[in-house]
Protein backbone atom coordinates (compact mmCIF):
# COMPACT_ATOMS: atom_id res chain seq x y z
CA SER A 1 -198.55 -143.24 -136.67
CA ALA A 2 -197.09 -140.37 -134.68
CA VAL A 3 -197.67 -136.80 -135.76
CA MET A 4 -194.47 -135.48 -137.32
CA GLU A 5 -193.11 -132.13 -136.18
CA ALA A 6 -190.92 -129.79 -138.19
CA PRO A 7 -187.50 -131.31 -138.78
CA PRO A 8 -184.73 -130.39 -136.33
CA GLU A 9 -182.42 -127.57 -137.44
CA ASP A 10 -179.39 -129.84 -137.07
CA VAL A 11 -178.97 -131.68 -140.39
CA LYS A 12 -177.17 -134.68 -138.82
CA GLU A 13 -179.99 -135.12 -136.31
CA ARG A 14 -182.55 -134.88 -139.12
CA LYS A 15 -180.78 -137.56 -141.15
CA ARG A 16 -180.52 -139.82 -138.09
CA LEU A 17 -184.25 -139.56 -137.41
CA GLY A 18 -185.20 -140.16 -141.03
CA ILE A 19 -188.58 -139.14 -142.37
CA ARG A 20 -191.49 -141.02 -143.84
CA THR A 21 -192.98 -139.72 -147.05
CA TYR A 22 -195.90 -140.55 -149.28
CA GLU A 23 -196.67 -139.55 -152.86
CA THR A 24 -199.88 -138.50 -154.59
CA ASP A 25 -201.13 -137.41 -157.97
CA VAL A 26 -201.74 -133.73 -158.62
CA THR A 27 -205.50 -133.16 -158.78
CA PRO A 28 -207.77 -130.11 -159.06
CA ASN A 29 -208.26 -130.48 -155.28
CA ASN A 30 -204.58 -130.20 -154.31
CA VAL A 31 -203.09 -128.14 -157.15
CA GLY A 32 -203.37 -125.02 -154.95
CA GLN A 33 -200.81 -126.56 -152.59
CA LEU A 34 -198.50 -127.11 -155.55
CA ARG A 35 -198.89 -123.45 -156.52
CA CYS A 36 -197.81 -122.43 -152.98
CA LEU A 37 -194.85 -124.82 -153.03
CA ASN A 38 -193.66 -123.49 -156.39
CA THR A 39 -193.91 -119.91 -155.13
CA VAL A 40 -191.55 -120.79 -152.27
CA ILE A 41 -189.05 -122.84 -154.31
CA PHE A 42 -188.75 -121.11 -157.68
CA PRO A 43 -187.79 -117.56 -158.68
CA VAL A 44 -190.26 -117.80 -161.58
CA ARG A 45 -194.07 -117.43 -161.33
CA TYR A 46 -196.15 -119.95 -163.27
CA ASN A 47 -199.43 -119.01 -164.94
CA ASP A 48 -202.81 -120.76 -164.87
CA GLY A 49 -201.98 -122.59 -168.12
CA PHE A 50 -199.08 -124.29 -166.37
CA TYR A 51 -201.36 -125.58 -163.60
CA LYS A 52 -203.92 -126.77 -166.18
CA ASP A 53 -201.13 -128.80 -167.84
CA VAL A 54 -200.15 -130.25 -164.49
CA VAL A 55 -203.62 -131.62 -163.67
CA ASN A 56 -204.12 -132.96 -167.21
CA GLU A 57 -204.96 -136.70 -166.98
CA ASN A 58 -202.42 -137.49 -169.71
CA ASN A 59 -199.57 -136.31 -167.49
CA ARG A 60 -200.70 -138.11 -164.33
CA GLU A 61 -198.07 -140.87 -164.52
CA ILE A 62 -195.23 -138.36 -164.79
CA THR A 63 -196.32 -135.76 -162.24
CA ARG A 64 -196.06 -136.48 -158.51
CA MET A 65 -196.25 -134.63 -155.19
CA VAL A 66 -194.45 -135.76 -152.01
CA TYR A 67 -195.71 -135.20 -148.50
CA VAL A 68 -194.23 -135.58 -145.04
CA SER A 69 -197.20 -136.05 -142.73
CA ASP A 70 -199.75 -133.69 -144.32
CA MET A 71 -197.23 -131.13 -145.56
CA LEU A 72 -196.30 -130.90 -149.22
CA VAL A 73 -192.48 -130.85 -149.38
CA GLY A 74 -191.71 -131.56 -153.02
CA ALA A 75 -193.04 -132.20 -156.51
CA ILE A 76 -192.02 -133.15 -160.01
CA CYS A 77 -194.25 -131.86 -162.82
CA CYS A 78 -193.78 -133.14 -166.35
CA ARG A 79 -195.61 -133.22 -169.66
CA PHE A 80 -195.42 -135.25 -172.84
CA GLU A 81 -194.31 -133.42 -175.98
CA GLY A 82 -194.33 -134.41 -179.64
CA ASN A 83 -196.48 -136.98 -181.40
CA LYS A 84 -196.08 -140.22 -183.32
CA LYS A 85 -194.68 -138.40 -186.38
CA GLU A 86 -191.96 -136.54 -184.51
CA LYS A 87 -189.88 -137.70 -181.57
CA ARG A 88 -191.86 -137.91 -178.34
CA ARG A 89 -190.25 -136.46 -175.25
CA VAL A 90 -190.96 -135.92 -171.57
CA TYR A 91 -190.32 -132.37 -170.41
CA ILE A 92 -189.66 -131.70 -166.72
CA MET A 93 -191.50 -128.40 -166.25
CA THR A 94 -190.73 -128.02 -162.54
CA PHE A 95 -189.00 -130.19 -159.96
CA GLY A 96 -188.16 -129.13 -156.44
CA VAL A 97 -188.01 -130.03 -152.76
CA LEU A 98 -188.25 -127.54 -149.89
CA LYS A 99 -184.77 -126.67 -148.62
CA ALA A 100 -185.34 -128.09 -145.13
CA TYR A 101 -186.18 -131.48 -146.66
CA ARG A 102 -183.27 -131.74 -149.11
CA GLY A 103 -180.67 -134.41 -148.46
CA TYR A 104 -183.16 -137.14 -147.53
CA GLY A 105 -183.32 -138.72 -150.97
CA ILE A 106 -186.80 -137.29 -151.67
CA GLY A 107 -185.75 -135.66 -154.94
CA SER A 108 -183.61 -138.64 -155.92
CA LYS A 109 -186.56 -140.98 -155.44
CA LEU A 110 -188.87 -138.72 -157.49
CA LEU A 111 -186.39 -138.54 -160.37
CA LYS A 112 -185.54 -142.24 -160.21
CA ASP A 113 -189.26 -143.13 -160.25
CA LEU A 114 -189.77 -140.82 -163.24
CA THR A 115 -186.88 -142.31 -165.24
CA GLU A 116 -188.12 -145.84 -164.48
CA THR A 117 -191.72 -145.00 -165.44
CA VAL A 118 -190.66 -143.31 -168.69
CA GLY A 119 -188.20 -146.15 -169.42
CA LYS A 120 -191.12 -148.62 -169.53
CA MET A 121 -193.04 -146.50 -172.05
CA ASP A 122 -192.80 -147.07 -175.78
CA GLY A 123 -191.81 -144.39 -178.22
CA ILE A 124 -190.33 -141.85 -175.79
CA ASP A 125 -186.97 -140.56 -177.00
CA ASP A 126 -185.70 -138.62 -174.00
CA ILE A 127 -186.42 -136.68 -170.82
CA TYR A 128 -185.27 -133.05 -170.84
CA LEU A 129 -185.41 -129.83 -168.85
CA HIS A 130 -183.99 -126.32 -168.50
CA VAL A 131 -181.65 -125.34 -165.65
CA GLN A 132 -180.47 -121.81 -164.89
CA VAL A 133 -176.73 -121.61 -165.69
CA SER A 134 -175.89 -120.51 -162.13
CA ASN A 135 -177.69 -123.47 -160.47
CA GLU A 136 -174.69 -125.75 -159.92
CA TYR A 137 -176.54 -127.79 -157.28
CA ALA A 138 -179.19 -128.78 -159.84
CA LEU A 139 -176.66 -129.37 -162.63
CA ASP A 140 -174.65 -131.75 -160.41
CA PHE A 141 -177.83 -133.49 -159.24
CA TYR A 142 -179.10 -134.19 -162.76
CA LYS A 143 -175.69 -135.36 -163.98
CA LYS A 144 -175.78 -138.11 -161.30
CA PHE A 145 -178.87 -139.42 -163.12
CA GLY A 146 -177.25 -139.45 -166.54
CA PHE A 147 -178.47 -136.09 -167.78
CA GLU A 148 -176.09 -134.20 -170.05
CA VAL A 149 -175.98 -130.58 -171.14
CA ILE A 150 -177.04 -130.54 -174.81
CA ALA A 151 -177.48 -126.79 -175.37
CA LYS A 152 -177.27 -123.35 -173.82
CA LYS A 153 -180.08 -120.83 -174.33
CA GLU A 154 -179.29 -117.16 -173.93
CA ASN A 155 -181.91 -114.93 -172.28
CA TYR A 156 -184.32 -117.83 -171.68
CA TYR A 157 -185.68 -116.44 -168.40
CA ARG A 158 -187.30 -113.06 -167.91
CA ASN A 159 -186.86 -111.11 -164.69
CA ILE A 160 -184.23 -113.38 -163.12
CA ASP A 161 -180.47 -113.11 -163.19
CA PRO A 162 -178.65 -114.71 -164.88
CA PRO A 163 -181.33 -115.12 -167.60
CA HIS A 164 -179.49 -117.96 -169.39
CA CYS A 165 -180.13 -121.68 -169.06
CA TYR A 166 -178.74 -125.04 -170.05
CA VAL A 167 -180.90 -127.68 -171.69
CA LEU A 168 -180.23 -131.06 -170.09
CA SER A 169 -181.34 -134.39 -171.55
CA ARG A 170 -181.05 -138.12 -171.03
CA LYS A 171 -182.29 -140.99 -173.16
CA ALA A 172 -185.59 -142.48 -172.00
CA LYS A 173 -184.20 -146.00 -172.11
CA THR A 174 -180.76 -146.76 -170.67
CA LYS A 175 -179.00 -150.06 -169.96
CA ALA A 176 -179.67 -149.80 -166.23
CA ASN A 177 -182.86 -147.82 -166.45
CA GLY A 178 -183.54 -145.34 -163.71
CA ASP A 179 -179.87 -145.22 -162.74
CA ALA A 180 -177.84 -144.08 -165.69
CA THR A 181 -174.66 -144.14 -163.57
CA ALA A 182 -174.78 -147.92 -162.98
């Protein structure tokens, strides 16, 4: 396979060329790359405890990294919450794709794969996450996958403006699982 160069600046040209991606688990060997990616994408810094959660074997099925050639361009990091006595949930801790690689369906595929994987699991009530109130791009994106705003939390974030977030959720099992809009 040919070595892939950086995508052209022209978005139309990029879409015409298309890109090939591959996915991997997050492991102790590549978690440093994830840390770098998160630093670029998110206004929030994540501590060592976050990265320990990410490489936890229990979360392997619901945490993925996406590469173009050998460059990490996106990741979705989730964890299970709750136990058999209370409702079990999947929490999306972080989910992002580098700006230059948005619009190729990379994020859509990651989220669709997650909803399908979780939909096949027993005893999971919902998938949920927090989104900064000003992030309309993310809010619109999640709504396409059947997520709904279920709450607003004031002053959820420290050191970023605005500090408020919405809590978004969707049922783990839907009629057309993986595509709640169908």
